[in-house]
Amino acid sequence: MTQSSQSSSTNPTFVGQRSLSGRIPSWRLWVPLLFQTSVILAAPAVPFYTVMTGKSIVLQTVPVDPYDFLRGYSQTLSYDISSLDTLRRLPGWKQLLKQQVGGKSINVPPPAPSSEYLVSGTRFYVILEAPASNKSSSPKPWKPVRVSSDRPAYLPDNQIALKGKSTGNSIEYGLETYYMPENRRDEINNDISQARGGKQRQPIVMEVKVDTLGRAVPISFWVSDRNYRF
């Protein structure tokens, strides 16, 4: 070993510099941690913002699937505005079809013309209007009046823009599943069965909050004149 090598290996200054250069900077530890924390906190922040600032509307709905095998008892909800047949009759639908570019629709029945379906993943807005009056024991649903590819810059007080996304053969709004409180499962299911049975079916509607960006959060569930809060 040469004298210079021995000197460098025993020099405290050199050893300190080498250890500092090999140390991981602290910011590489706390930056990822801060990012993960922000993501966790941001997840409930959007629904909270929507609930606090959104406008209450009512949507007509019918339970479809009474049981979710993965997450326990639930109601899978389908709205009148989830149906393409409903949206096709609204102003703006043909313009929406012309504006979609790229992608490919999924779950489209082969005999049906593809021009009647939106490309899967297409996002747009359904403009809903409040009912003129409500004299029934349960709230009346809002009526869809048109669709738009862009969020309207201005709407009258009795209208709201709800953001939806195409799955190819239906539309989702992030409001499709309601998980029932465990202690009220039987009560809710009995009410739903009675409301859907008989000659005159009772209304089943969902009250939701919609914010200025068109995002929606469920607030309560109406079965006839009985209300279940979330």
C-alpha atoms as a PDB file:
ATOM      1  CA  MET A   1       0.000   0.000   0.000  1.00  0.00           C
ATOM      2  CA  THR A   2       1.391   3.431  -0.910  1.00  0.00           C
ATOM      3  CA  GLN A   3       1.760   6.271   1.501  1.00  0.00           C
ATOM      4  CA  SER A   4      -0.995   8.283  -0.225  1.00  0.00           C
ATOM      5  CA  SER A   5      -3.424   5.374   0.124  1.00  0.00           C
ATOM      6  CA  GLN A   6      -2.662   4.955   3.785  1.00  0.00           C
ATOM      7  CA  SER A   7      -3.091   8.656   4.348  1.00  0.00           C
ATOM      8  CA  SER A   8      -6.489   8.776   2.679  1.00  0.00           C
ATOM      9  CA  SER A   9      -7.802   5.772   4.562  1.00  0.00           C
ATOM     10  CA  THR A  10      -6.812   7.165   7.912  1.00  0.00           C
ATOM     11  CA  ASN A  11      -7.695  10.772   7.275  1.00  0.00           C
ATOM     12  CA  PRO A  12     -10.846  11.628   9.318  1.00  0.00           C
ATOM     13  CA  THR A  13     -11.846  14.376   6.866  1.00  0.00           C
ATOM     14  CA  PHE A  14     -11.782  11.981   3.948  1.00  0.00           C
ATOM     15  CA  VAL A  15     -13.777   9.362   5.819  1.00  0.00           C
ATOM     16  CA  GLY A  16     -16.428  11.930   6.769  1.00  0.00           C
ATOM     17  CA  GLN A  17     -16.810  13.128   3.191  1.00  0.00           C
ATOM     18  CA  ARG A  18     -17.147   9.556   1.951  1.00  0.00           C
ATOM     19  CA  SER A  19     -19.875   8.744   4.503  1.00  0.00           C
ATOM     20  CA  LEU A  20     -21.791  11.935   3.680  1.00  0.00           C
ATOM     21  CA  SER A  21     -21.694  11.184  -0.029  1.00  0.00           C
ATOM     22  CA  GLY A  22     -23.144   7.720   0.622  1.00  0.00           C
ATOM     23  CA  ARG A  23     -25.966   8.947   2.877  1.00  0.00           C
ATOM     24  CA  ILE A  24     -29.493   9.107   1.333  1.00  0.00           C
ATOM     25  CA  PRO A  25     -30.796  12.702   1.273  1.00  0.00           C
ATOM     26  CA  SER A  26     -33.669  13.183   3.689  1.00  0.00           C
ATOM     27  CA  TRP A  27     -35.936  14.703   1.048  1.00  0.00           C
ATOM     28  CA  ARG A  28     -35.976  11.358  -0.795  1.00  0.00           C
ATOM     29  CA  LEU A  29     -37.702   9.897   2.247  1.00  0.00           C
ATOM     30  CA  TRP A  30     -40.219  12.573   3.168  1.00  0.00           C
ATOM     31  CA  VAL A  31     -41.259  13.584  -0.381  1.00  0.00           C
ATOM     32  CA  PRO A  32     -42.770  10.148  -1.226  1.00  0.00           C
ATOM     33  CA  LEU A  33     -44.314   9.984   2.236  1.00  0.00           C
ATOM     34  CA  LEU A  34     -45.853  13.426   1.777  1.00  0.00           C
ATOM     35  CA  PHE A  35     -47.197  12.421  -1.637  1.00  0.00           C
ATOM     36  CA  GLN A  36     -48.803   9.235  -0.297  1.00  0.00           C
ATOM     37  CA  THR A  37     -50.355  11.142   2.579  1.00  0.00           C
ATOM     38  CA  SER A  38     -51.794  13.774   0.238  1.00  0.00           C
ATOM     39  CA  VAL A  39     -53.338  11.070  -1.963  1.00  0.00           C
ATOM     40  CA  ILE A  40     -54.965   9.397   1.047  1.00  0.00           C
ATOM     41  CA  LEU A  41     -56.354  12.699   2.308  1.00  0.00           C
ATOM     42  CA  ALA A  42     -57.509  13.821  -1.132  1.00  0.00           C
ATOM     43  CA  ALA A  43     -59.709  10.748  -1.681  1.00  0.00           C
ATOM     44  CA  PRO A  44     -62.453  11.808   0.773  1.00  0.00           C
ATOM     45  CA  ALA A  45     -61.863  15.513   0.076  1.00  0.00           C
ATOM     46  CA  VAL A  46     -63.745  15.512  -3.233  1.00  0.00           C
ATOM     47  CA  PRO A  47     -66.970  13.954  -1.843  1.00  0.00           C
ATOM     48  CA  PHE A  48     -66.772  16.271   1.167  1.00  0.00           C
ATOM     49  CA  TYR A  49     -66.457  19.313  -1.112  1.00  0.00           C
ATOM     50  CA  THR A  50     -69.392  18.113  -3.209  1.00  0.00           C
ATOM     51  CA  VAL A  51     -71.592  17.549  -0.157  1.00  0.00           C
ATOM     52  CA  MET A  52     -70.744  20.959   1.315  1.00  0.00           C
ATOM     53  CA  THR A  53     -71.052  23.040  -1.866  1.00  0.00           C
ATOM     54  CA  GLY A  54     -73.295  20.977  -4.161  1.00  0.00           C
ATOM     55  CA  LYS A  55     -76.922  21.456  -5.083  1.00  0.00           C
ATOM     56  CA  SER A  56     -79.475  18.826  -4.047  1.00  0.00           C
ATOM     57  CA  ILE A  57     -81.300  17.077  -6.869  1.00  0.00           C
ATOM     58  CA  VAL A  58     -83.451  13.942  -7.106  1.00  0.00           C
ATOM     59  CA  LEU A  59     -82.968  11.116  -9.619  1.00  0.00           C
ATOM     60  CA  GLN A  60     -85.461   8.451 -10.610  1.00  0.00           C
ATOM     61  CA  THR A  61     -83.971   5.024  -9.939  1.00  0.00           C
ATOM     62  CA  VAL A  62     -84.836   1.349  -9.858  1.00  0.00           C
ATOM     63  CA  PRO A  63     -82.788  -1.248  -7.915  1.00  0.00           C
ATOM     64  CA  VAL A  64     -81.390  -3.873 -10.266  1.00  0.00           C
ATOM     65  CA  ASP A  65     -79.207  -6.295  -8.306  1.00  0.00           C
ATOM     66  CA  PRO A  66     -80.096  -6.813  -4.625  1.00  0.00           C
ATOM     67  CA  TYR A  67     -76.823  -8.467  -3.633  1.00  0.00           C
ATOM     68  CA  ASP A  68     -73.148  -7.717  -4.091  1.00  0.00           C
ATOM     69  CA  PHE A  69     -71.149 -10.848  -3.284  1.00  0.00           C
ATOM     70  CA  LEU A  70     -67.907  -8.954  -2.811  1.00  0.00           C
ATOM     71  CA  ARG A  71     -68.869  -6.253  -0.361  1.00  0.00           C
ATOM     72  CA  GLY A  72     -72.020  -7.389   1.375  1.00  0.00           C
ATOM     73  CA  TYR A  73     -75.666  -6.501   0.959  1.00  0.00           C
ATOM     74  CA  SER A  74     -76.250  -3.654  -1.447  1.00  0.00           C
ATOM     75  CA  GLN A  75     -78.576  -2.249  -4.044  1.00  0.00           C
ATOM     76  CA  THR A  76     -77.236  -1.733  -7.549  1.00  0.00           C
ATOM     77  CA  LEU A  77     -79.066   1.257  -8.919  1.00  0.00           C
ATOM     78  CA  SER A  78     -79.990   2.123 -12.477  1.00  0.00           C
ATOM     79  CA  TYR A  79     -81.415   5.545 -13.298  1.00  0.00           C
ATOM     80  CA  ASP A  80     -83.643   6.663 -16.119  1.00  0.00           C
ATOM     81  CA  ILE A  81     -80.695   8.727 -17.375  1.00  0.00           C
ATOM     82  CA  SER A  82     -78.532   5.576 -17.360  1.00  0.00           C
ATOM     83  CA  SER A  83     -80.522   4.344 -20.336  1.00  0.00           C
ATOM     84  CA  LEU A  84     -79.346   5.271 -23.823  1.00  0.00           C
ATOM     85  CA  ASP A  85     -82.971   5.187 -24.978  1.00  0.00           C
ATOM     86  CA  THR A  86     -83.681   8.114 -22.649  1.00  0.00           C
ATOM     87  CA  LEU A  87     -80.640  10.134 -23.717  1.00  0.00           C
ATOM     88  CA  ARG A  88     -81.142   9.552 -27.454  1.00  0.00           C
ATOM     89  CA  ARG A  89     -84.363  11.556 -27.288  1.00  0.00           C
ATOM     90  CA  LEU A  90     -82.665  14.608 -25.790  1.00  0.00           C
ATOM     91  CA  PRO A  91     -81.359  17.659 -27.662  1.00  0.00           C
ATOM     92  CA  GLY A  92     -77.586  17.501 -28.127  1.00  0.00           C
ATOM     93  CA  TRP A  93     -77.345  13.717 -28.532  1.00  0.00           C
ATOM     94  CA  LYS A  94     -76.584  13.765 -32.274  1.00  0.00           C
ATOM     95  CA  GLN A  95     -73.964  16.474 -31.788  1.00  0.00           C
ATOM     96  CA  LEU A  96     -72.400  14.388 -29.009  1.00  0.00           C
ATOM     97  CA  LEU A  97     -72.096  11.389 -31.343  1.00  0.00           C
ATOM     98  CA  LYS A  98     -70.410  13.500 -34.005  1.00  0.00           C
ATOM     99  CA  GLN A  99     -67.865  14.923 -31.560  1.00  0.00           C
ATOM    100  CA  GLN A 100     -66.582  11.618 -30.207  1.00  0.00           C
ATOM    101  CA  VAL A 101     -63.220  10.664 -31.683  1.00  0.00           C
ATOM    102  CA  GLY A 102     -60.973   7.620 -31.297  1.00  0.00           C
ATOM    103  CA  GLY A 103     -61.636   4.628 -29.064  1.00  0.00           C
ATOM    104  CA  LYS A 104     -64.087   1.815 -29.641  1.00  0.00           C
ATOM    105  CA  SER A 105     -67.461   1.074 -28.092  1.00  0.00           C
ATOM    106  CA  ILE A 106     -67.763  -2.060 -25.979  1.00  0.00           C
ATOM    107  CA  ASN A 107     -70.673  -4.417 -25.276  1.00  0.00           C
ATOM    108  CA  VAL A 108     -72.524  -3.176 -28.358  1.00  0.00           C
ATOM    109  CA  PRO A 109     -74.950  -5.757 -29.770  1.00  0.00           C
ATOM    110  CA  PRO A 110     -73.778  -6.682 -33.306  1.00  0.00           C
ATOM    111  CA  PRO A 111     -77.128  -5.992 -35.051  1.00  0.00           C
ATOM    112  CA  ALA A 112     -77.326  -2.434 -33.668  1.00  0.00           C
ATOM    113  CA  PRO A 113     -75.733   0.440 -35.620  1.00  0.00           C
ATOM    114  CA  SER A 114     -72.643   1.663 -33.772  1.00  0.00           C
ATOM    115  CA  SER A 115     -73.586   5.288 -34.458  1.00  0.00           C
ATOM    116  CA  GLU A 116     -76.246   5.005 -31.748  1.00  0.00           C
ATOM    117  CA  TYR A 117     -73.646   4.363 -29.034  1.00  0.00           C
ATOM    118  CA  LEU A 118     -71.019   6.518 -27.432  1.00  0.00           C
ATOM    119  CA  VAL A 119     -67.448   5.303 -27.391  1.00  0.00           C
ATOM    120  CA  SER A 120     -66.687   3.625 -24.073  1.00  0.00           C
ATOM    121  CA  GLY A 121     -65.069   6.137 -21.736  1.00  0.00           C
ATOM    122  CA  THR A 122     -66.698   9.173 -23.360  1.00  0.00           C
ATOM    123  CA  ARG A 123     -67.475  11.812 -20.745  1.00  0.00           C
ATOM    124  CA  PHE A 124     -70.292  14.312 -21.116  1.00  0.00           C
ATOM    125  CA  TYR A 125     -72.955  16.181 -19.152  1.00  0.00           C
ATOM    126  CA  VAL A 126     -76.680  15.628 -18.710  1.00  0.00           C
ATOM    127  CA  ILE A 127     -78.581  18.817 -18.003  1.00  0.00           C
ATOM    128  CA  LEU A 128     -81.387  18.214 -15.490  1.00  0.00           C
ATOM    129  CA  GLU A 129     -84.264  20.515 -14.600  1.00  0.00           C
ATOM    130  CA  ALA A 130     -86.146  20.723 -11.320  1.00  0.00           C
ATOM    131  CA  PRO A 131     -89.851  19.784 -11.261  1.00  0.00           C
ATOM    132  CA  ALA A 132     -92.303  22.674 -11.285  1.00  0.00           C
ATOM    133  CA  SER A 133     -93.893  21.600  -7.995  1.00  0.00           C
ATOM    134  CA  ASN A 134     -93.805  18.777  -5.476  1.00  0.00           C
ATOM    135  CA  LYS A 135     -96.986  17.936  -3.586  1.00  0.00           C
ATOM    136  CA  SER A 136     -96.281  14.243  -3.033  1.00  0.00           C
ATOM    137  CA  SER A 137     -94.928  12.678   0.144  1.00  0.00           C
ATOM    138  CA  SER A 138     -91.638  11.849  -1.613  1.00  0.00           C
ATOM    139  CA  PRO A 139     -89.602  14.269  -3.745  1.00  0.00           C
ATOM    140  CA  LYS A 140     -90.152  14.318  -7.499  1.00  0.00           C
ATOM    141  CA  PRO A 141     -87.194  13.463  -9.722  1.00  0.00           C
ATOM    142  CA  TRP A 142     -85.472  16.074 -11.863  1.00  0.00           C
ATOM    143  CA  LYS A 143     -86.089  15.815 -15.610  1.00  0.00           C
ATOM    144  CA  PRO A 144     -83.270  15.476 -18.183  1.00  0.00           C
ATOM    145  CA  VAL A 145     -83.646  18.210 -20.817  1.00  0.00           C
ATOM    146  CA  ARG A 146     -80.457  17.946 -22.938  1.00  0.00           C
ATOM    147  CA  VAL A 147     -76.918  16.572 -23.151  1.00  0.00           C
ATOM    148  CA  SER A 148     -73.655  18.379 -23.819  1.00  0.00           C
ATOM    149  CA  SER A 149     -70.038  17.388 -24.436  1.00  0.00           C
ATOM    150  CA  ASP A 150     -68.905  20.465 -22.496  1.00  0.00           C
ATOM    151  CA  ARG A 151     -69.954  21.684 -19.077  1.00  0.00           C
ATOM    152  CA  PRO A 152     -72.278  24.674 -19.597  1.00  0.00           C
ATOM    153  CA  ALA A 153     -70.803  27.960 -18.427  1.00  0.00           C
ATOM    154  CA  TYR A 154     -74.206  29.196 -17.282  1.00  0.00           C
ATOM    155  CA  LEU A 155     -77.403  27.472 -16.210  1.00  0.00           C
ATOM    156  CA  PRO A 156     -80.579  28.865 -14.620  1.00  0.00           C
ATOM    157  CA  ASP A 157     -81.158  28.141 -10.934  1.00  0.00           C
ATOM    158  CA  ASN A 158     -83.575  25.312 -11.704  1.00  0.00           C
ATOM    159  CA  GLN A 159     -81.037  23.358 -13.781  1.00  0.00           C
ATOM    160  CA  ILE A 160     -77.833  21.436 -13.033  1.00  0.00           C
ATOM    161  CA  ALA A 161     -75.185  19.648 -15.126  1.00  0.00           C
ATOM    162  CA  LEU A 162     -74.430  16.080 -14.039  1.00  0.00           C
ATOM    163  CA  LYS A 163     -71.247  14.448 -15.360  1.00  0.00           C
ATOM    164  CA  GLY A 164     -71.574  10.982 -16.850  1.00  0.00           C
ATOM    165  CA  LYS A 165     -69.337   8.417 -18.551  1.00  0.00           C
ATOM    166  CA  SER A 166     -70.250   5.923 -21.238  1.00  0.00           C
ATOM    167  CA  THR A 167     -69.588   2.203 -20.760  1.00  0.00           C
ATOM    168  CA  GLY A 168     -70.557   1.473 -24.363  1.00  0.00           C
ATOM    169  CA  ASN A 169     -74.144   0.384 -23.788  1.00  0.00           C
ATOM    170  CA  SER A 170     -75.093   2.438 -20.707  1.00  0.00           C
ATOM    171  CA  ILE A 171     -74.060   5.492 -18.716  1.00  0.00           C
ATOM    172  CA  GLU A 172     -72.487   5.678 -15.250  1.00  0.00           C
ATOM    173  CA  TYR A 173     -72.539   8.626 -12.853  1.00  0.00           C
ATOM    174  CA  GLY A 174     -70.674   7.177  -9.874  1.00  0.00           C
ATOM    175  CA  LEU A 175     -74.017   6.653  -8.108  1.00  0.00           C
ATOM    176  CA  GLU A 176     -74.728   3.093  -9.129  1.00  0.00           C
ATOM    177  CA  THR A 177     -74.321   1.240  -5.812  1.00  0.00           C
ATOM    178  CA  TYR A 178     -75.894   1.880  -2.432  1.00  0.00           C
ATOM    179  CA  TYR A 179     -74.530  -0.196   0.462  1.00  0.00           C
ATOM    180  CA  MET A 180     -77.226  -0.717   3.031  1.00  0.00           C
ATOM    181  CA  PRO A 181     -76.618  -0.261   6.757  1.00  0.00           C
ATOM    182  CA  GLU A 182     -76.365  -3.726   8.295  1.00  0.00           C
ATOM    183  CA  ASN A 183     -78.992  -3.032  10.923  1.00  0.00           C
ATOM    184  CA  ARG A 184     -81.542  -1.887   8.305  1.00  0.00           C
ATOM    185  CA  ARG A 185     -81.049  -4.404   5.478  1.00  0.00           C
ATOM    186  CA  ASP A 186     -84.277  -6.324   6.040  1.00  0.00           C
ATOM    187  CA  GLU A 187     -86.287  -3.140   6.532  1.00  0.00           C
ATOM    188  CA  ILE A 188     -85.015  -1.557   3.315  1.00  0.00           C
ATOM    189  CA  ASN A 189     -85.432  -4.747   1.260  1.00  0.00           C
ATOM    190  CA  ASN A 190     -88.996  -5.182   2.519  1.00  0.00           C
ATOM    191  CA  ASP A 191     -89.817  -1.584   1.617  1.00  0.00           C
ATOM    192  CA  ILE A 192     -88.348  -2.033  -1.850  1.00  0.00           C
ATOM    193  CA  SER A 193     -90.286  -5.257  -2.411  1.00  0.00           C
ATOM    194  CA  GLN A 194     -93.544  -3.605  -1.391  1.00  0.00           C
ATOM    195  CA  ALA A 195     -92.818  -0.527  -3.514  1.00  0.00           C
ATOM    196  CA  ARG A 196     -92.104  -2.621  -6.611  1.00  0.00           C
ATOM    197  CA  GLY A 197     -94.968  -5.040  -6.073  1.00  0.00           C
ATOM    198  CA  GLY A 198     -98.651  -4.501  -6.658  1.00  0.00           C
ATOM    199  CA  LYS A 199    -100.473  -2.835  -9.525  1.00  0.00           C
ATOM    200  CA  GLN A 200     -99.272   0.664  -8.661  1.00  0.00           C
ATOM    201  CA  ARG A 201     -95.537   0.764  -8.135  1.00  0.00           C
ATOM    202  CA  GLN A 202     -94.360   3.314  -5.611  1.00  0.00           C
ATOM    203  CA  PRO A 203     -91.562   5.758  -6.536  1.00  0.00           C
ATOM    204  CA  ILE A 204     -87.965   4.894  -5.678  1.00  0.00           C
ATOM    205  CA  VAL A 205     -85.681   7.908  -5.976  1.00  0.00           C
ATOM    206  CA  MET A 206     -82.192   8.992  -4.923  1.00  0.00           C
ATOM    207  CA  GLU A 207     -81.303  12.383  -3.492  1.00  0.00           C
ATOM    208  CA  VAL A 208     -77.784  13.463  -4.489  1.00  0.00           C
ATOM    209  CA  LYS A 209     -75.569  16.528  -4.229  1.00  0.00           C
ATOM    210  CA  VAL A 210     -74.009  17.821  -7.461  1.00  0.00           C
ATOM    211  CA  ASP A 211     -71.167  20.348  -7.394  1.00  0.00           C
ATOM    212  CA  THR A 212     -70.224  22.947 -10.007  1.00  0.00           C
ATOM    213  CA  LEU A 213     -67.991  20.445 -11.833  1.00  0.00           C
ATOM    214  CA  GLY A 214     -70.836  17.956 -12.282  1.00  0.00           C
ATOM    215  CA  ARG A 215     -69.580  15.455  -9.695  1.00  0.00           C
ATOM    216  CA  ALA A 216     -72.285  13.773  -7.604  1.00  0.00           C
ATOM    217  CA  VAL A 217     -72.466  12.215  -4.139  1.00  0.00           C
ATOM    218  CA  PRO A 218     -75.520  10.278  -2.813  1.00  0.00           C
ATOM    219  CA  ILE A 219     -77.260  11.819   0.195  1.00  0.00           C
ATOM    220  CA  SER A 220     -80.403   9.812   0.831  1.00  0.00           C
ATOM    221  CA  PHE A 221     -82.541   7.030  -0.585  1.00  0.00           C
ATOM    222  CA  TRP A 222     -86.336   7.327  -0.880  1.00  0.00           C
ATOM    223  CA  VAL A 223     -88.609   4.293  -1.054  1.00  0.00           C
ATOM    224  CA  SER A 224     -92.132   5.617  -1.454  1.00  0.00           C
ATOM    225  CA  ASP A 225     -92.512   8.066   1.479  1.00  0.00           C
ATOM    226  CA  ARG A 226     -89.705   6.559   3.596  1.00  0.00           C
ATOM    227  CA  ASN A 227     -86.281   8.178   3.597  1.00  0.00           C
ATOM    228  CA  TYR A 228     -82.959   6.484   4.395  1.00  0.00           C
ATOM    229  CA  ARG A 229     -80.013   8.808   4.979  1.00  0.00           C
ATOM    230  CA  PHE A 230     -76.496   7.836   3.975  1.00  0.00           C
END
